Structure formats: structure tokens, C-alpha cells
Amino acid sequence: MADGYGLLELQFLMASCTVSADGLMQVAEYGVATRSPGSRYAVVRIVNKSSEASLDPYQSKALEDWIRSYKSS
């Protein structure tokens, strides 16, 4: 699990990096587990950018559904 992510690291990933499939899943799982709205928002933006999804950053259920569908594919 990606427990060490902080908001600054997530913002860096969001702005300038591509994320591998394994890394994307870890980041997404962190987004579901975190209690920080800013971190969750950044995670959804990373998922949207990396997977061409269009998740609503204010709906945590959307991220959970994306993880389930990503794991099943």
C-alpha cells in the first residue's frame, strides 16, 4: 500500500509524471483510504489523467467503482 504519499508528492505526480499500472492502483487505493480531501482530489485527478477516466473528484464511491472495474479487467 502507498501509505507514504503526501499531498505534495501527489501534486507532483499529477503535474508532471506518468504512472505505471501498478503504481496507479496503489495511488488509487491510497485515495480511497485517505481522510484528506485534498489528497483524494489529487488522486482522482491522477487516475483521470493516467487512465483517461472522467471520475468526479468529489465522489469517493466513483474511485472505489473504478478500482473494482480496473482490477476485473
PDB file of N, CA and C in Angstrom:
ATOM      1  N   MET A   1       0.847  -1.181   0.000  1.00  0.00           N
ATOM      2  CA  MET A   1       0.000   0.000   0.000  1.00  0.00           C
ATOM      3  C   MET A   1       0.888   1.238   0.000  1.00  0.00           C
ATOM      4  N   ALA A   2       0.365   2.299  -0.501  1.00  0.00           N
ATOM      5  CA  ALA A   2       1.134   3.525  -0.668  1.00  0.00           C
ATOM      6  C   ALA A   2       0.898   4.487   0.481  1.00  0.00           C
ATOM      7  N   ASP A   3       1.166   4.049   1.690  1.00  0.00           N
ATOM      8  CA  ASP A   3       0.891   4.875   2.865  1.00  0.00           C
ATOM      9  C   ASP A   3       1.749   6.121   2.941  1.00  0.00           C
ATOM     10  N   GLY A   4       2.883   6.146   2.261  1.00  0.00           N
ATOM     11  CA  GLY A   4       3.800   7.256   2.389  1.00  0.00           C
ATOM     12  C   GLY A   4       3.478   8.464   1.525  1.00  0.00           C
ATOM     13  N   TYR A   5       2.444   8.379   0.697  1.00  0.00           N
ATOM     14  CA  TYR A   5       2.138   9.516  -0.161  1.00  0.00           C
ATOM     15  C   TYR A   5       1.658  10.690   0.675  1.00  0.00           C
ATOM     16  N   GLY A   6       2.127  11.850   0.302  1.00  0.00           N
ATOM     17  CA  GLY A   6       1.643  13.080   0.899  1.00  0.00           C
ATOM     18  C   GLY A   6       1.078  13.949  -0.208  1.00  0.00           C
ATOM     19  N   LEU A   7       0.431  15.009   0.168  1.00  0.00           N
ATOM     20  CA  LEU A   7      -0.215  15.862  -0.817  1.00  0.00           C
ATOM     21  C   LEU A   7       0.786  16.438  -1.811  1.00  0.00           C
ATOM     22  N   LEU A   8       1.966  16.814  -1.361  1.00  0.00           N
ATOM     23  CA  LEU A   8       2.955  17.374  -2.290  1.00  0.00           C
ATOM     24  C   LEU A   8       3.408  16.348  -3.317  1.00  0.00           C
ATOM     25  N   GLU A   9       3.617  15.102  -2.894  1.00  0.00           N
ATOM     26  CA  GLU A   9       4.011  14.053  -3.832  1.00  0.00           C
ATOM     27  C   GLU A   9       2.902  13.798  -4.846  1.00  0.00           C
ATOM     28  N   LEU A  10       1.663  13.801  -4.385  1.00  0.00           N
ATOM     29  CA  LEU A  10       0.543  13.587  -5.285  1.00  0.00           C
ATOM     30  C   LEU A  10       0.417  14.733  -6.286  1.00  0.00           C
ATOM     31  N   GLN A  11       0.621  15.943  -5.827  1.00  0.00           N
ATOM     32  CA  GLN A  11       0.555  17.088  -6.730  1.00  0.00           C
ATOM     33  C   GLN A  11       1.666  17.014  -7.774  1.00  0.00           C
ATOM     34  N   PHE A  12       2.839  16.534  -7.392  1.00  0.00           N
ATOM     35  CA  PHE A  12       3.939  16.363  -8.337  1.00  0.00           C
ATOM     36  C   PHE A  12       3.565  15.331  -9.392  1.00  0.00           C
ATOM     37  N   LEU A  13       3.030  14.175  -8.955  1.00  0.00           N
ATOM     38  CA  LEU A  13       2.600  13.151  -9.900  1.00  0.00           C
ATOM     39  C   LEU A  13       1.537  13.693 -10.840  1.00  0.00           C
ATOM     40  N   MET A  14       0.624  14.458 -10.288  1.00  0.00           N
ATOM     41  CA  MET A  14      -0.481  14.996 -11.067  1.00  0.00           C
ATOM     42  C   MET A  14       0.036  15.935 -12.146  1.00  0.00           C
ATOM     43  N   ALA A  15       1.056  16.692 -11.840  1.00  0.00           N
ATOM     44  CA  ALA A  15       1.530  17.729 -12.749  1.00  0.00           C
ATOM     45  C   ALA A  15       2.487  17.214 -13.809  1.00  0.00           C
ATOM     46  N   SER A  16       3.369  16.279 -13.449  1.00  0.00           N
ATOM     47  CA  SER A  16       4.475  16.061 -14.369  1.00  0.00           C
ATOM     48  C   SER A  16       4.894  14.624 -14.610  1.00  0.00           C
ATOM     49  N   CYS A  17       4.167  13.649 -14.120  1.00  0.00           N
ATOM     50  CA  CYS A  17       4.629  12.271 -14.258  1.00  0.00           C
ATOM     51  C   CYS A  17       3.563  11.384 -14.884  1.00  0.00           C
ATOM     52  N   THR A  18       4.032  10.321 -15.499  1.00  0.00           N
ATOM     53  CA  THR A  18       3.128   9.246 -15.876  1.00  0.00           C
ATOM     54  C   THR A  18       3.272   8.164 -14.815  1.00  0.00           C
ATOM     55  N   VAL A  19       2.219   7.436 -14.598  1.00  0.00           N
ATOM     56  CA  VAL A  19       2.201   6.445 -13.532  1.00  0.00           C
ATOM     57  C   VAL A  19       1.995   5.076 -14.158  1.00  0.00           C
ATOM     58  N   SER A  20       2.796   4.098 -13.740  1.00  0.00           N
ATOM     59  CA  SER A  20       2.641   2.736 -14.245  1.00  0.00           C
ATOM     60  C   SER A  20       1.324   2.149 -13.760  1.00  0.00           C
ATOM     61  N   ALA A  21       0.904   1.058 -14.363  1.00  0.00           N
ATOM     62  CA  ALA A  21      -0.361   0.418 -13.978  1.00  0.00           C
ATOM     63  C   ALA A  21      -0.351   0.005 -12.511  1.00  0.00           C
ATOM     64  N   ASP A  22       0.749  -0.591 -12.054  1.00  0.00           N
ATOM     65  CA  ASP A  22       0.835  -0.996 -10.647  1.00  0.00           C
ATOM     66  C   ASP A  22       0.837   0.218  -9.724  1.00  0.00           C
ATOM     67  N   GLY A  23       1.576   1.221 -10.107  1.00  0.00           N
ATOM     68  CA  GLY A  23       1.628   2.445  -9.303  1.00  0.00           C
ATOM     69  C   GLY A  23       0.291   3.148  -9.267  1.00  0.00           C
ATOM     70  N   LEU A  24      -0.428   3.129 -10.386  1.00  0.00           N
ATOM     71  CA  LEU A  24      -1.734   3.779 -10.441  1.00  0.00           C
ATOM     72  C   LEU A  24      -2.702   3.108  -9.479  1.00  0.00           C
ATOM     73  N   MET A  25      -2.662   1.792  -9.418  1.00  0.00           N
ATOM     74  CA  MET A  25      -3.550   1.079  -8.485  1.00  0.00           C
ATOM     75  C   MET A  25      -3.201   1.419  -7.040  1.00  0.00           C
ATOM     76  N   GLN A  26      -1.917   1.508  -6.717  1.00  0.00           N
ATOM     77  CA  GLN A  26      -1.517   1.872  -5.359  1.00  0.00           C
ATOM     78  C   GLN A  26      -1.984   3.279  -5.016  1.00  0.00           C
ATOM     79  N   VAL A  27      -1.828   4.196  -5.946  1.00  0.00           N
ATOM     80  CA  VAL A  27      -2.258   5.574  -5.713  1.00  0.00           C
ATOM     81  C   VAL A  27      -3.772   5.615  -5.527  1.00  0.00           C
ATOM     82  N   ALA A  28      -4.514   4.881  -6.360  1.00  0.00           N
ATOM     83  CA  ALA A  28      -5.975   4.861  -6.258  1.00  0.00           C
ATOM     84  C   ALA A  28      -6.425   4.276  -4.920  1.00  0.00           C
ATOM     85  N   GLU A  29      -5.787   3.206  -4.494  1.00  0.00           N
ATOM     86  CA  GLU A  29      -6.137   2.608  -3.197  1.00  0.00           C
ATOM     87  C   GLU A  29      -5.835   3.570  -2.057  1.00  0.00           C
ATOM     88  N   TYR A  30      -4.755   4.302  -2.177  1.00  0.00           N
ATOM     89  CA  TYR A  30      -4.456   5.326  -1.176  1.00  0.00           C
ATOM     90  C   TYR A  30      -5.566   6.379  -1.159  1.00  0.00           C
ATOM     91  N   GLY A  31      -6.050   6.758  -2.335  1.00  0.00           N
ATOM     92  CA  GLY A  31      -7.111   7.759  -2.419  1.00  0.00           C
ATOM     93  C   GLY A  31      -8.385   7.336  -1.712  1.00  0.00           C
ATOM     94  N   VAL A  32      -8.683   6.042  -1.759  1.00  0.00           N
ATOM     95  CA  VAL A  32      -9.863   5.533  -1.061  1.00  0.00           C
ATOM     96  C   VAL A  32      -9.627   5.521   0.446  1.00  0.00           C
ATOM     97  N   ALA A  33      -8.405   5.203   0.858  1.00  0.00           N
ATOM     98  CA  ALA A  33      -8.096   5.051   2.285  1.00  0.00           C
ATOM     99  C   ALA A  33      -7.855   6.373   3.009  1.00  0.00           C
ATOM    100  N   THR A  34      -7.429   7.403   2.295  1.00  0.00           N
ATOM    101  CA  THR A  34      -7.066   8.645   2.962  1.00  0.00           C
ATOM    102  C   THR A  34      -8.285   9.402   3.469  1.00  0.00           C
ATOM    103  N   ARG A  35      -8.074  10.184   4.505  1.00  0.00           N
ATOM    104  CA  ARG A  35      -9.129  11.040   5.038  1.00  0.00           C
ATOM    105  C   ARG A  35      -8.936  12.485   4.590  1.00  0.00           C
ATOM    106  N   SER A  36      -7.888  12.732   3.854  1.00  0.00           N
ATOM    107  CA  SER A  36      -7.581  14.079   3.394  1.00  0.00           C
ATOM    108  C   SER A  36      -8.320  14.372   2.085  1.00  0.00           C
ATOM    109  N   PRO A  37      -9.244  15.330   2.089  1.00  0.00           N
ATOM    110  CA  PRO A  37      -9.953  15.667   0.852  1.00  0.00           C
ATOM    111  C   PRO A  37      -9.005  16.144  -0.249  1.00  0.00           C
ATOM    112  N   GLY A  38      -7.968  16.878   0.117  1.00  0.00           N
ATOM    113  CA  GLY A  38      -7.006  17.352  -0.877  1.00  0.00           C
ATOM    114  C   GLY A  38      -6.260  16.211  -1.534  1.00  0.00           C
ATOM    115  N   SER A  39      -5.876  15.229  -0.746  1.00  0.00           N
ATOM    116  CA  SER A  39      -5.179  14.066  -1.297  1.00  0.00           C
ATOM    117  C   SER A  39      -6.110  13.251  -2.182  1.00  0.00           C
ATOM    118  N   ARG A  40      -7.353  13.060  -1.730  1.00  0.00           N
ATOM    119  CA  ARG A  40      -8.315  12.299  -2.532  1.00  0.00           C
ATOM    120  C   ARG A  40      -8.565  13.003  -3.862  1.00  0.00           C
ATOM    121  N   TYR A  41      -8.694  14.313  -3.840  1.00  0.00           N
ATOM    122  CA  TYR A  41      -8.895  15.087  -5.058  1.00  0.00           C
ATOM    123  C   TYR A  41      -7.709  14.903  -6.010  1.00  0.00           C
ATOM    124  N   ALA A  42      -6.492  14.985  -5.476  1.00  0.00           N
ATOM    125  CA  ALA A  42      -5.294  14.809  -6.298  1.00  0.00           C
ATOM    126  C   ALA A  42      -5.234  13.404  -6.879  1.00  0.00           C
ATOM    127  N   VAL A  43      -5.601  12.401  -6.104  1.00  0.00           N
ATOM    128  CA  VAL A  43      -5.588  11.021  -6.580  1.00  0.00           C
ATOM    129  C   VAL A  43      -6.555  10.858  -7.751  1.00  0.00           C
ATOM    130  N   VAL A  44      -7.753  11.400  -7.634  1.00  0.00           N
ATOM    131  CA  VAL A  44      -8.725  11.274  -8.720  1.00  0.00           C
ATOM    132  C   VAL A  44      -8.212  11.976  -9.971  1.00  0.00           C
ATOM    133  N   ARG A  45      -7.578  13.101  -9.815  1.00  0.00           N
ATOM    134  CA  ARG A  45      -7.009  13.799 -10.977  1.00  0.00           C
ATOM    135  C   ARG A  45      -5.917  12.952 -11.635  1.00  0.00           C
ATOM    136  N   ILE A  46      -5.092  12.271 -10.826  1.00  0.00           N
ATOM    137  CA  ILE A  46      -4.044  11.399 -11.363  1.00  0.00           C
ATOM    138  C   ILE A  46      -4.677  10.224 -12.109  1.00  0.00           C
ATOM    139  N   VAL A  47      -5.688   9.606 -11.516  1.00  0.00           N
ATOM    140  CA  VAL A  47      -6.373   8.482 -12.158  1.00  0.00           C
ATOM    141  C   VAL A  47      -7.004   8.942 -13.467  1.00  0.00           C
ATOM    142  N   ASN A  48      -7.670  10.075 -13.449  1.00  0.00           N
ATOM    143  CA  ASN A  48      -8.297  10.580 -14.674  1.00  0.00           C
ATOM    144  C   ASN A  48      -7.268  10.821 -15.767  1.00  0.00           C
ATOM    145  N   LYS A  49      -6.160  11.411 -15.400  1.00  0.00           N
ATOM    146  CA  LYS A  49      -5.113  11.725 -16.377  1.00  0.00           C
ATOM    147  C   LYS A  49      -4.442  10.457 -16.911  1.00  0.00           C
ATOM    148  N   SER A  50      -4.161   9.515 -16.032  1.00  0.00           N
ATOM    149  CA  SER A  50      -3.408   8.326 -16.420  1.00  0.00           C
ATOM    150  C   SER A  50      -4.252   7.272 -17.126  1.00  0.00           C
ATOM    151  N   SER A  51      -5.540   7.242 -16.850  1.00  0.00           N
ATOM    152  CA  SER A  51      -6.378   6.193 -17.431  1.00  0.00           C
ATOM    153  C   SER A  51      -7.448   6.744 -18.363  1.00  0.00           C
ATOM    154  N   GLU A  52      -7.415   8.020 -18.609  1.00  0.00           N
ATOM    155  CA  GLU A  52      -8.402   8.691 -19.450  1.00  0.00           C
ATOM    156  C   GLU A  52      -9.819   8.470 -18.934  1.00  0.00           C
ATOM    157  N   ALA A  53      -9.959   8.362 -17.621  1.00  0.00           N
ATOM    158  CA  ALA A  53     -11.269   8.261 -16.985  1.00  0.00           C
ATOM    159  C   ALA A  53     -11.810   9.677 -16.772  1.00  0.00           C
ATOM    160  N   SER A  54     -13.028   9.760 -16.317  1.00  0.00           N
ATOM    161  CA  SER A  54     -13.609  11.073 -16.012  1.00  0.00           C
ATOM    162  C   SER A  54     -14.358  11.004 -14.686  1.00  0.00           C
ATOM    163  N   LEU A  55     -13.633  10.576 -13.658  1.00  0.00           N
ATOM    164  CA  LEU A  55     -14.222  10.451 -12.326  1.00  0.00           C
ATOM    165  C   LEU A  55     -14.426  11.818 -11.703  1.00  0.00           C
ATOM    166  N   ASP A  56     -15.472  11.926 -10.912  1.00  0.00           N
ATOM    167  CA  ASP A  56     -15.746  13.153 -10.169  1.00  0.00           C
ATOM    168  C   ASP A  56     -14.895  13.129  -8.897  1.00  0.00           C
ATOM    169  N   PRO A  57     -14.003  14.112  -8.711  1.00  0.00           N
ATOM    170  CA  PRO A  57     -13.126  14.094  -7.535  1.00  0.00           C
ATOM    171  C   PRO A  57     -13.863  14.266  -6.209  1.00  0.00           C
ATOM    172  N   TYR A  58     -15.114  14.658  -6.258  1.00  0.00           N
ATOM    173  CA  TYR A  58     -15.876  14.856  -5.026  1.00  0.00           C
ATOM    174  C   TYR A  58     -16.741  13.659  -4.661  1.00  0.00           C
ATOM    175  N   GLN A  59     -16.661  12.597  -5.451  1.00  0.00           N
ATOM    176  CA  GLN A  59     -17.426  11.385  -5.193  1.00  0.00           C
ATOM    177  C   GLN A  59     -16.469  10.220  -4.937  1.00  0.00           C
ATOM    178  N   SER A  60     -16.243   9.875  -3.679  1.00  0.00           N
ATOM    179  CA  SER A  60     -15.295   8.805  -3.372  1.00  0.00           C
ATOM    180  C   SER A  60     -15.788   7.451  -3.878  1.00  0.00           C
ATOM    181  N   LYS A  61     -17.089   7.261  -3.979  1.00  0.00           N
ATOM    182  CA  LYS A  61     -17.633   5.999  -4.499  1.00  0.00           C
ATOM    183  C   LYS A  61     -17.189   5.768  -5.935  1.00  0.00           C
ATOM    184  N   ALA A  62     -17.064   6.824  -6.713  1.00  0.00           N
ATOM    185  CA  ALA A  62     -16.625   6.690  -8.102  1.00  0.00           C
ATOM    186  C   ALA A  62     -15.217   6.086  -8.169  1.00  0.00           C
ATOM    187  N   LEU A  63     -14.342   6.492  -7.265  1.00  0.00           N
ATOM    188  CA  LEU A  63     -12.985   5.954  -7.230  1.00  0.00           C
ATOM    189  C   LEU A  63     -13.013   4.477  -6.836  1.00  0.00           C
ATOM    190  N   GLU A  64     -13.840   4.117  -5.871  1.00  0.00           N
ATOM    191  CA  GLU A  64     -13.972   2.720  -5.464  1.00  0.00           C
ATOM    192  C   GLU A  64     -14.480   1.871  -6.624  1.00  0.00           C
ATOM    193  N   ASP A  65     -15.474   2.375  -7.354  1.00  0.00           N
ATOM    194  CA  ASP A  65     -16.002   1.644  -8.514  1.00  0.00           C
ATOM    195  C   ASP A  65     -14.936   1.494  -9.585  1.00  0.00           C
ATOM    196  N   TRP A  66     -14.130   2.536  -9.807  1.00  0.00           N
ATOM    197  CA  TRP A  66     -13.064   2.462 -10.801  1.00  0.00           C
ATOM    198  C   TRP A  66     -12.050   1.393 -10.428  1.00  0.00           C
ATOM    199  N   ILE A  67     -11.684   1.309  -9.153  1.00  0.00           N
ATOM    200  CA  ILE A  67     -10.729   0.298  -8.695  1.00  0.00           C
ATOM    201  C   ILE A  67     -11.273  -1.099  -8.967  1.00  0.00           C
ATOM    202  N   ARG A  68     -12.553  -1.325  -8.639  1.00  0.00           N
ATOM    203  CA  ARG A  68     -13.146  -2.640  -8.885  1.00  0.00           C
ATOM    204  C   ARG A  68     -13.135  -2.986 -10.371  1.00  0.00           C
ATOM    205  N   SER A  69     -13.495  -2.048 -11.210  1.00  0.00           N
ATOM    206  CA  SER A  69     -13.521  -2.331 -12.649  1.00  0.00           C
ATOM    207  C   SER A  69     -12.108  -2.495 -13.205  1.00  0.00           C
ATOM    208  N   TYR A  70     -11.144  -1.749 -12.669  1.00  0.00           N
ATOM    209  CA  TYR A  70      -9.753  -1.848 -13.123  1.00  0.00           C
ATOM    210  C   TYR A  70      -9.163  -3.205 -12.761  1.00  0.00           C
ATOM    211  N   LYS A  71      -9.494  -3.687 -11.562  1.00  0.00           N
ATOM    212  CA  LYS A  71      -8.980  -4.986 -11.126  1.00  0.00           C
ATOM    213  C   LYS A  71      -9.602  -6.133 -11.908  1.00  0.00           C
ATOM    214  N   SER A  72     -10.848  -5.966 -12.334  1.00  0.00           N
ATOM    215  CA  SER A  72     -11.519  -7.053 -13.050  1.00  0.00           C
ATOM    216  C   SER A  72     -11.120  -7.109 -14.525  1.00  0.00           C
ATOM    217  N   SER A  73     -10.481  -6.057 -15.034  1.00  0.00           N
ATOM    218  CA  SER A  73     -10.090  -6.070 -16.454  1.00  0.00           C
ATOM    219  C   SER A  73      -8.705  -6.633 -16.669  1.00  0.00           C
TER     220      SER A  73
END
